[in-house]
Amino acid sequence: MAAPLRGRTFSYRHGTSPLHRCPAGIKLPALLLLGSLTFLGPEFLGLSLLLLLAGSVVARVPVRHLFMLPKPLFVLTVLVLLLRAFDPGGSVAVPELSLFGHVFPAWEIPFIGMEGLRAGFEAALRIAATFALAGLFFAVTTIGELRRSLARAELRLRGRKSGTAYASLGLSLMLGFVPRFFQVWETANLACDARGHGRGFRRLLLLLPLVTERMMEAAADTVLALEARGISYRE
């Protein structure tokens, strides 16, 4: 039985599913391919979503957890939707609705074009799908596994059997900072909740410099750790 999700964005989920056992060298190109497909057209977006759903079932990762967008990304997605749907001369008619015995009369939403609204929903879904695909990747792949797989591939390309694979090390460190960023963000957000700090735009202004500072500290600590292990980018 797989362990429950820890509730953190892009956190690893322990398991023994075929996706967990699949080499990271296969999962990373698959992620890049599916992420690219979401931007090629509605039919390819639908294909990516179907494969995402199948992958979440195989890995036992609830789909709702994959689509839990962080607040900054959620706000960005809503802004993209509104900007694409905005039409100064357009309007969208909402038909009359009957709900629980109450009748809501028909009305129109001004400054919204139907074609733009469809395009906005599609753009928002592409952002959410790309985020969910990345979330599924990190849910079934550890950074150490990714680093080892990339290192083997780089050494083969360089015709070497051993040594430090600098390009793969840098790439794995960069990818490793993605879940690290969300972990730091959520930790800082919980700290703000515990201290009763306000929400909304004021919270965002407070978190951005705080999270940036902590990520810079984490990067500096990573450099020191590499130097302590005798790893340097200068040969």
C-alpha atoms as a PDB file:
ATOM      1  CA  MET A   1       0.000   0.000   0.000  1.00  0.00           C
ATOM      2  CA  ALA A   2       1.437   3.375  -1.004  1.00  0.00           C
ATOM      3  CA  ALA A   3       1.975   5.971   1.665  1.00  0.00           C
ATOM      4  CA  PRO A   4      -0.459   8.870   1.713  1.00  0.00           C
ATOM      5  CA  LEU A   5       0.459  12.132   0.113  1.00  0.00           C
ATOM      6  CA  ARG A   6       2.131  14.609   2.414  1.00  0.00           C
ATOM      7  CA  GLY A   7       0.056  17.417   0.984  1.00  0.00           C
ATOM      8  CA  ARG A   8       2.982  19.342  -0.438  1.00  0.00           C
ATOM      9  CA  THR A   9       3.138  20.398  -4.043  1.00  0.00           C
ATOM     10  CA  PHE A  10       5.549  18.265  -6.094  1.00  0.00           C
ATOM     11  CA  SER A  11       6.344  16.033  -3.102  1.00  0.00           C
ATOM     12  CA  TYR A  12       7.507  12.464  -3.688  1.00  0.00           C
ATOM     13  CA  ARG A  13       4.984   9.681  -3.010  1.00  0.00           C
ATOM     14  CA  HIS A  14       6.446   6.350  -1.957  1.00  0.00           C
ATOM     15  CA  GLY A  15       5.204   3.401  -3.948  1.00  0.00           C
ATOM     16  CA  THR A  16       6.082   0.372  -6.047  1.00  0.00           C
ATOM     17  CA  SER A  17       3.921   1.058  -9.094  1.00  0.00           C
ATOM     18  CA  PRO A  18       5.242   0.621 -12.650  1.00  0.00           C
ATOM     19  CA  LEU A  19       5.680   4.405 -12.863  1.00  0.00           C
ATOM     20  CA  HIS A  20       7.784   4.390  -9.696  1.00  0.00           C
ATOM     21  CA  ARG A  21       9.976   1.609 -11.090  1.00  0.00           C
ATOM     22  CA  CYS A  22      10.281   3.175 -14.546  1.00  0.00           C
ATOM     23  CA  PRO A  23      13.765   4.737 -15.069  1.00  0.00           C
ATOM     24  CA  ALA A  24      13.924   8.495 -14.670  1.00  0.00           C
ATOM     25  CA  GLY A  25      15.673   8.648 -18.039  1.00  0.00           C
ATOM     26  CA  ILE A  26      12.389   7.542 -19.627  1.00  0.00           C
ATOM     27  CA  LYS A  27      10.027   9.546 -17.420  1.00  0.00           C
ATOM     28  CA  LEU A  28      11.742  12.890 -18.024  1.00  0.00           C
ATOM     29  CA  PRO A  29      11.512  12.766 -21.863  1.00  0.00           C
ATOM     30  CA  ALA A  30       7.915  11.550 -21.499  1.00  0.00           C
ATOM     31  CA  LEU A  31       7.152  14.567 -19.312  1.00  0.00           C
ATOM     32  CA  LEU A  32       8.685  16.933 -21.869  1.00  0.00           C
ATOM     33  CA  LEU A  33       6.775  15.250 -24.705  1.00  0.00           C
ATOM     34  CA  LEU A  34       3.394  15.329 -22.966  1.00  0.00           C
ATOM     35  CA  GLY A  35       3.964  18.897 -21.789  1.00  0.00           C
ATOM     36  CA  SER A  36       4.653  19.923 -25.381  1.00  0.00           C
ATOM     37  CA  LEU A  37       1.554  18.111 -26.638  1.00  0.00           C
ATOM     38  CA  THR A  38      -0.705  20.239 -24.424  1.00  0.00           C
ATOM     39  CA  PHE A  39       0.190  23.297 -26.542  1.00  0.00           C
ATOM     40  CA  LEU A  40      -0.277  21.724 -29.991  1.00  0.00           C
ATOM     41  CA  GLY A  41      -4.070  21.704 -30.127  1.00  0.00           C
ATOM     42  CA  PRO A  42      -7.240  20.633 -28.313  1.00  0.00           C
ATOM     43  CA  GLU A  43      -6.969  17.003 -29.451  1.00  0.00           C
ATOM     44  CA  PHE A  44      -3.386  16.721 -28.184  1.00  0.00           C
ATOM     45  CA  LEU A  45      -4.409  18.432 -24.946  1.00  0.00           C
ATOM     46  CA  GLY A  46      -7.124  15.805 -24.518  1.00  0.00           C
ATOM     47  CA  LEU A  47      -4.599  13.032 -25.178  1.00  0.00           C
ATOM     48  CA  SER A  48      -2.239  14.435 -22.544  1.00  0.00           C
ATOM     49  CA  LEU A  49      -5.079  14.633 -20.024  1.00  0.00           C
ATOM     50  CA  LEU A  50      -6.085  11.028 -20.709  1.00  0.00           C
ATOM     51  CA  LEU A  51      -2.503   9.849 -20.245  1.00  0.00           C
ATOM     52  CA  LEU A  52      -2.252  11.955 -17.090  1.00  0.00           C
ATOM     53  CA  LEU A  53      -5.393  10.310 -15.732  1.00  0.00           C
ATOM     54  CA  ALA A  54      -4.054   6.848 -16.596  1.00  0.00           C
ATOM     55  CA  GLY A  55      -0.725   7.643 -14.942  1.00  0.00           C
ATOM     56  CA  SER A  56      -2.381   8.899 -11.764  1.00  0.00           C
ATOM     57  CA  VAL A  57      -4.417   5.674 -11.542  1.00  0.00           C
ATOM     58  CA  VAL A  58      -1.338   3.489 -12.072  1.00  0.00           C
ATOM     59  CA  ALA A  59       0.722   5.444  -9.513  1.00  0.00           C
ATOM     60  CA  ARG A  60      -2.220   5.757  -7.088  1.00  0.00           C
ATOM     61  CA  VAL A  61      -1.906   9.531  -6.955  1.00  0.00           C
ATOM     62  CA  PRO A  62      -5.316  11.270  -6.662  1.00  0.00           C
ATOM     63  CA  VAL A  63      -5.892  13.564  -9.636  1.00  0.00           C
ATOM     64  CA  ARG A  64      -7.333  16.279  -7.388  1.00  0.00           C
ATOM     65  CA  HIS A  65      -3.967  16.580  -5.644  1.00  0.00           C
ATOM     66  CA  LEU A  66      -2.197  17.063  -8.963  1.00  0.00           C
ATOM     67  CA  PHE A  67      -4.496  19.938  -9.945  1.00  0.00           C
ATOM     68  CA  MET A  68      -4.204  21.818  -6.630  1.00  0.00           C
ATOM     69  CA  LEU A  69      -2.521  24.903  -8.072  1.00  0.00           C
ATOM     70  CA  PRO A  70      -0.546  27.128  -5.699  1.00  0.00           C
ATOM     71  CA  LYS A  71      -2.214  30.481  -5.177  1.00  0.00           C
ATOM     72  CA  PRO A  72       0.226  32.521  -7.371  1.00  0.00           C
ATOM     73  CA  LEU A  73      -0.200  30.079 -10.256  1.00  0.00           C
ATOM     74  CA  PHE A  74      -3.958  29.954  -9.725  1.00  0.00           C
ATOM     75  CA  VAL A  75      -4.140  33.760  -9.889  1.00  0.00           C
ATOM     76  CA  LEU A  76      -2.017  33.734 -13.059  1.00  0.00           C
ATOM     77  CA  THR A  77      -4.301  31.115 -14.623  1.00  0.00           C
ATOM     78  CA  VAL A  78      -7.417  33.163 -13.831  1.00  0.00           C
ATOM     79  CA  LEU A  79      -5.785  36.298 -15.281  1.00  0.00           C
ATOM     80  CA  VAL A  80      -4.949  34.431 -18.495  1.00  0.00           C
ATOM     81  CA  LEU A  81      -8.541  33.234 -18.720  1.00  0.00           C
ATOM     82  CA  LEU A  82      -9.970  36.735 -18.188  1.00  0.00           C
ATOM     83  CA  LEU A  83      -7.573  38.410 -20.601  1.00  0.00           C
ATOM     84  CA  ARG A  84      -8.320  35.901 -23.355  1.00  0.00           C
ATOM     85  CA  ALA A  85     -12.069  36.182 -22.770  1.00  0.00           C
ATOM     86  CA  PHE A  86     -12.170  40.016 -22.648  1.00  0.00           C
ATOM     87  CA  ASP A  87     -14.043  41.587 -25.579  1.00  0.00           C
ATOM     88  CA  PRO A  88     -15.128  45.270 -25.312  1.00  0.00           C
ATOM     89  CA  GLY A  89     -18.075  44.728 -27.646  1.00  0.00           C
ATOM     90  CA  GLY A  90     -19.012  41.213 -26.668  1.00  0.00           C
ATOM     91  CA  SER A  91     -21.369  39.602 -24.186  1.00  0.00           C
ATOM     92  CA  VAL A  92     -22.242  36.080 -23.116  1.00  0.00           C
ATOM     93  CA  ALA A  93     -25.878  35.137 -22.566  1.00  0.00           C
ATOM     94  CA  VAL A  94     -26.618  33.017 -19.489  1.00  0.00           C
ATOM     95  CA  PRO A  95     -29.900  31.090 -19.909  1.00  0.00           C
ATOM     96  CA  GLU A  96     -32.629  30.913 -17.299  1.00  0.00           C
ATOM     97  CA  LEU A  97     -31.862  28.386 -14.579  1.00  0.00           C
ATOM     98  CA  SER A  98     -34.068  26.556 -12.103  1.00  0.00           C
ATOM     99  CA  LEU A  99     -32.284  25.317  -8.979  1.00  0.00           C
ATOM    100  CA  PHE A 100     -33.915  23.868  -5.877  1.00  0.00           C
ATOM    101  CA  GLY A 101     -37.243  25.407  -6.781  1.00  0.00           C
ATOM    102  CA  HIS A 102     -35.777  28.882  -7.356  1.00  0.00           C
ATOM    103  CA  VAL A 103     -35.760  30.363 -10.853  1.00  0.00           C
ATOM    104  CA  PHE A 104     -32.774  32.482 -11.861  1.00  0.00           C
ATOM    105  CA  PRO A 105     -33.695  34.779 -14.800  1.00  0.00           C
ATOM    106  CA  ALA A 106     -31.602  34.913 -17.948  1.00  0.00           C
ATOM    107  CA  TRP A 107     -28.919  37.615 -18.050  1.00  0.00           C
ATOM    108  CA  GLU A 108     -25.834  38.645 -20.001  1.00  0.00           C
ATOM    109  CA  ILE A 109     -22.206  38.961 -18.951  1.00  0.00           C
ATOM    110  CA  PRO A 110     -20.798  42.090 -20.647  1.00  0.00           C
ATOM    111  CA  PHE A 111     -17.305  42.488 -22.139  1.00  0.00           C
ATOM    112  CA  ILE A 112     -16.879  38.725 -22.573  1.00  0.00           C
ATOM    113  CA  GLY A 113     -16.653  37.079 -26.001  1.00  0.00           C
ATOM    114  CA  MET A 114     -17.683  33.468 -26.428  1.00  0.00           C
ATOM    115  CA  GLU A 115     -14.738  32.601 -28.676  1.00  0.00           C
ATOM    116  CA  GLY A 116     -12.343  34.310 -26.314  1.00  0.00           C
ATOM    117  CA  LEU A 117     -13.930  32.523 -23.375  1.00  0.00           C
ATOM    118  CA  ARG A 118     -13.376  29.147 -25.033  1.00  0.00           C
ATOM    119  CA  ALA A 119      -9.780  30.069 -25.835  1.00  0.00           C
ATOM    120  CA  GLY A 120      -9.294  31.282 -22.262  1.00  0.00           C
ATOM    121  CA  PHE A 121     -10.575  28.033 -20.778  1.00  0.00           C
ATOM    122  CA  GLU A 122      -8.317  26.084 -23.114  1.00  0.00           C
ATOM    123  CA  ALA A 123      -5.278  28.176 -22.141  1.00  0.00           C
ATOM    124  CA  ALA A 124      -6.092  27.786 -18.434  1.00  0.00           C
ATOM    125  CA  LEU A 125      -6.481  24.035 -18.869  1.00  0.00           C
ATOM    126  CA  ARG A 126      -3.115  23.854 -20.629  1.00  0.00           C
ATOM    127  CA  ILE A 127      -1.413  25.584 -17.695  1.00  0.00           C
ATOM    128  CA  ALA A 128      -3.137  23.305 -15.195  1.00  0.00           C
ATOM    129  CA  ALA A 129      -2.374  20.174 -17.226  1.00  0.00           C
ATOM    130  CA  THR A 130       1.327  21.052 -17.554  1.00  0.00           C
ATOM    131  CA  PHE A 131       1.507  21.677 -13.816  1.00  0.00           C
ATOM    132  CA  ALA A 132      -0.272  18.377 -13.075  1.00  0.00           C
ATOM    133  CA  LEU A 133       2.072  16.436 -15.378  1.00  0.00           C
ATOM    134  CA  ALA A 134       5.077  17.867 -13.558  1.00  0.00           C
ATOM    135  CA  GLY A 135       3.418  17.055 -10.241  1.00  0.00           C
ATOM    136  CA  LEU A 136       2.934  13.426 -11.297  1.00  0.00           C
ATOM    137  CA  PHE A 137       6.576  13.231 -12.410  1.00  0.00           C
ATOM    138  CA  PHE A 138       7.900  14.429  -9.053  1.00  0.00           C
ATOM    139  CA  ALA A 139       5.383  12.220  -7.210  1.00  0.00           C
ATOM    140  CA  VAL A 140       6.974   9.076  -8.696  1.00  0.00           C
ATOM    141  CA  THR A 141      10.600  10.202  -9.134  1.00  0.00           C
ATOM    142  CA  THR A 142      13.207  11.070  -6.525  1.00  0.00           C
ATOM    143  CA  ILE A 143      15.885  13.652  -7.249  1.00  0.00           C
ATOM    144  CA  GLY A 144      18.601  11.100  -6.527  1.00  0.00           C
ATOM    145  CA  GLU A 145      17.097   8.697  -9.060  1.00  0.00           C
ATOM    146  CA  LEU A 146      16.887  11.499 -11.616  1.00  0.00           C
ATOM    147  CA  ARG A 147      20.488  12.543 -11.004  1.00  0.00           C
ATOM    148  CA  ARG A 148      21.843   8.996 -11.396  1.00  0.00           C
ATOM    149  CA  SER A 149      19.891   8.393 -14.581  1.00  0.00           C
ATOM    150  CA  LEU A 150      21.038  11.668 -16.146  1.00  0.00           C
ATOM    151  CA  ALA A 151      24.630  11.010 -15.076  1.00  0.00           C
ATOM    152  CA  ARG A 152      24.666   7.596 -16.759  1.00  0.00           C
ATOM    153  CA  ALA A 153      23.270   9.092 -19.958  1.00  0.00           C
ATOM    154  CA  GLU A 154      25.838  11.921 -19.975  1.00  0.00           C
ATOM    155  CA  LEU A 155      28.792   9.602 -19.349  1.00  0.00           C
ATOM    156  CA  ARG A 156      27.683   7.362 -22.210  1.00  0.00           C
ATOM    157  CA  LEU A 157      27.483  10.355 -24.539  1.00  0.00           C
ATOM    158  CA  ARG A 158      30.964  11.450 -23.474  1.00  0.00           C
ATOM    159  CA  GLY A 159      32.347   7.927 -23.936  1.00  0.00           C
ATOM    160  CA  ARG A 160      33.386   7.640 -20.295  1.00  0.00           C
ATOM    161  CA  LYS A 161      32.654   4.971 -17.705  1.00  0.00           C
ATOM    162  CA  SER A 162      33.244   7.080 -14.601  1.00  0.00           C
ATOM    163  CA  GLY A 163      33.747  10.651 -13.483  1.00  0.00           C
ATOM    164  CA  THR A 164      31.599  13.588 -12.530  1.00  0.00           C
ATOM    165  CA  ALA A 165      28.787  14.314 -14.966  1.00  0.00           C
ATOM    166  CA  TYR A 166      28.659  18.079 -14.594  1.00  0.00           C
ATOM    167  CA  ALA A 167      25.812  18.806 -17.001  1.00  0.00           C
ATOM    168  CA  SER A 168      23.501  16.189 -15.474  1.00  0.00           C
ATOM    169  CA  LEU A 169      24.455  17.320 -11.966  1.00  0.00           C
ATOM    170  CA  GLY A 170      23.510  20.904 -12.786  1.00  0.00           C
ATOM    171  CA  LEU A 171      20.265  19.838 -14.446  1.00  0.00           C
ATOM    172  CA  SER A 172      19.248  17.594 -11.546  1.00  0.00           C
ATOM    173  CA  LEU A 173      20.035  20.350  -9.049  1.00  0.00           C
ATOM    174  CA  MET A 174      17.929  22.783 -11.060  1.00  0.00           C
ATOM    175  CA  LEU A 175      15.006  20.363 -11.195  1.00  0.00           C
ATOM    176  CA  GLY A 176      15.433  19.605  -7.513  1.00  0.00           C
ATOM    177  CA  PHE A 177      14.882  23.245  -6.667  1.00  0.00           C
ATOM    178  CA  VAL A 178      11.369  23.092  -8.156  1.00  0.00           C
ATOM    179  CA  PRO A 179       9.850  20.959  -5.358  1.00  0.00           C
ATOM    180  CA  ARG A 180      12.114  22.764  -2.906  1.00  0.00           C
ATOM    181  CA  PHE A 181      10.576  26.101  -3.909  1.00  0.00           C
ATOM    182  CA  PHE A 182       7.029  24.877  -3.283  1.00  0.00           C
ATOM    183  CA  GLN A 183       8.070  23.325   0.018  1.00  0.00           C
ATOM    184  CA  VAL A 184       9.580  26.615   1.199  1.00  0.00           C
ATOM    185  CA  TRP A 185       6.543  28.543  -0.081  1.00  0.00           C
ATOM    186  CA  GLU A 186       4.047  26.340   1.733  1.00  0.00           C
ATOM    187  CA  THR A 187       6.118  26.378   4.934  1.00  0.00           C
ATOM    188  CA  ALA A 188       6.276  30.179   4.862  1.00  0.00           C
ATOM    189  CA  ASN A 189       2.551  30.350   4.098  1.00  0.00           C
ATOM    190  CA  LEU A 190       1.740  28.160   7.112  1.00  0.00           C
ATOM    191  CA  ALA A 191       3.990  30.341   9.271  1.00  0.00           C
ATOM    192  CA  CYS A 192       2.004  33.396   8.147  1.00  0.00           C
ATOM    193  CA  ASP A 193      -1.228  31.621   9.059  1.00  0.00           C
ATOM    194  CA  ALA A 194       0.124  30.790  12.517  1.00  0.00           C
ATOM    195  CA  ARG A 195       1.078  34.430  13.088  1.00  0.00           C
ATOM    196  CA  GLY A 196      -2.234  35.787  11.833  1.00  0.00           C
ATOM    197  CA  HIS A 197      -0.840  37.696   8.871  1.00  0.00           C
ATOM    198  CA  GLY A 198      -3.393  38.872   6.343  1.00  0.00           C
ATOM    199  CA  ARG A 199      -4.148  37.085   3.108  1.00  0.00           C
ATOM    200  CA  GLY A 200      -4.396  38.220  -0.494  1.00  0.00           C
ATOM    201  CA  PHE A 201      -2.015  40.657  -2.138  1.00  0.00           C
ATOM    202  CA  ARG A 202      -0.424  41.721   1.153  1.00  0.00           C
ATOM    203  CA  ARG A 203       0.461  38.104   1.917  1.00  0.00           C
ATOM    204  CA  LEU A 204       1.982  37.753  -1.550  1.00  0.00           C
ATOM    205  CA  LEU A 205       4.168  40.843  -1.036  1.00  0.00           C
ATOM    206  CA  LEU A 206       5.340  39.381   2.257  1.00  0.00           C
ATOM    207  CA  LEU A 207       6.089  35.885   0.946  1.00  0.00           C
ATOM    208  CA  LEU A 208       7.930  36.760  -2.273  1.00  0.00           C
ATOM    209  CA  PRO A 209      11.044  38.343  -0.682  1.00  0.00           C
ATOM    210  CA  LEU A 210      11.020  35.809   2.166  1.00  0.00           C
ATOM    211  CA  VAL A 211      10.900  32.781  -0.130  1.00  0.00           C
ATOM    212  CA  THR A 212      13.471  34.346  -2.481  1.00  0.00           C
ATOM    213  CA  GLU A 213      15.876  34.843   0.418  1.00  0.00           C
ATOM    214  CA  ARG A 214      15.438  31.264   1.636  1.00  0.00           C
ATOM    215  CA  MET A 215      15.955  29.861  -1.859  1.00  0.00           C
ATOM    216  CA  MET A 216      19.173  31.872  -2.216  1.00  0.00           C
ATOM    217  CA  GLU A 217      20.339  30.498   1.133  1.00  0.00           C
ATOM    218  CA  ALA A 218      19.518  26.963  -0.023  1.00  0.00           C
ATOM    219  CA  ALA A 219      21.505  27.543  -3.233  1.00  0.00           C
ATOM    220  CA  ALA A 220      24.503  28.804  -1.242  1.00  0.00           C
ATOM    221  CA  ASP A 221      24.299  25.787   1.079  1.00  0.00           C
ATOM    222  CA  THR A 222      24.212  23.493  -1.961  1.00  0.00           C
ATOM    223  CA  VAL A 223      27.399  25.066  -3.341  1.00  0.00           C
ATOM    224  CA  LEU A 224      29.162  24.611   0.011  1.00  0.00           C
ATOM    225  CA  ALA A 225      28.009  20.982   0.184  1.00  0.00           C
ATOM    226  CA  LEU A 226      29.366  20.295  -3.312  1.00  0.00           C
ATOM    227  CA  GLU A 227      32.700  21.915  -2.497  1.00  0.00           C
ATOM    228  CA  ALA A 228      32.940  19.915   0.728  1.00  0.00           C
ATOM    229  CA  ARG A 229      32.583  16.750  -1.369  1.00  0.00           C
ATOM    230  CA  GLY A 230      35.299  17.856  -3.759  1.00  0.00           C
ATOM    231  CA  ILE A 231      32.899  18.607  -6.611  1.00  0.00           C
ATOM    232  CA  SER A 232      33.765  21.694  -8.618  1.00  0.00           C
ATOM    233  CA  TYR A 233      32.782  22.922 -12.065  1.00  0.00           C
ATOM    234  CA  ARG A 234      36.357  23.922 -12.706  1.00  0.00           C
ATOM    235  CA  GLU A 235      38.405  21.030 -14.048  1.00  0.00           C
END
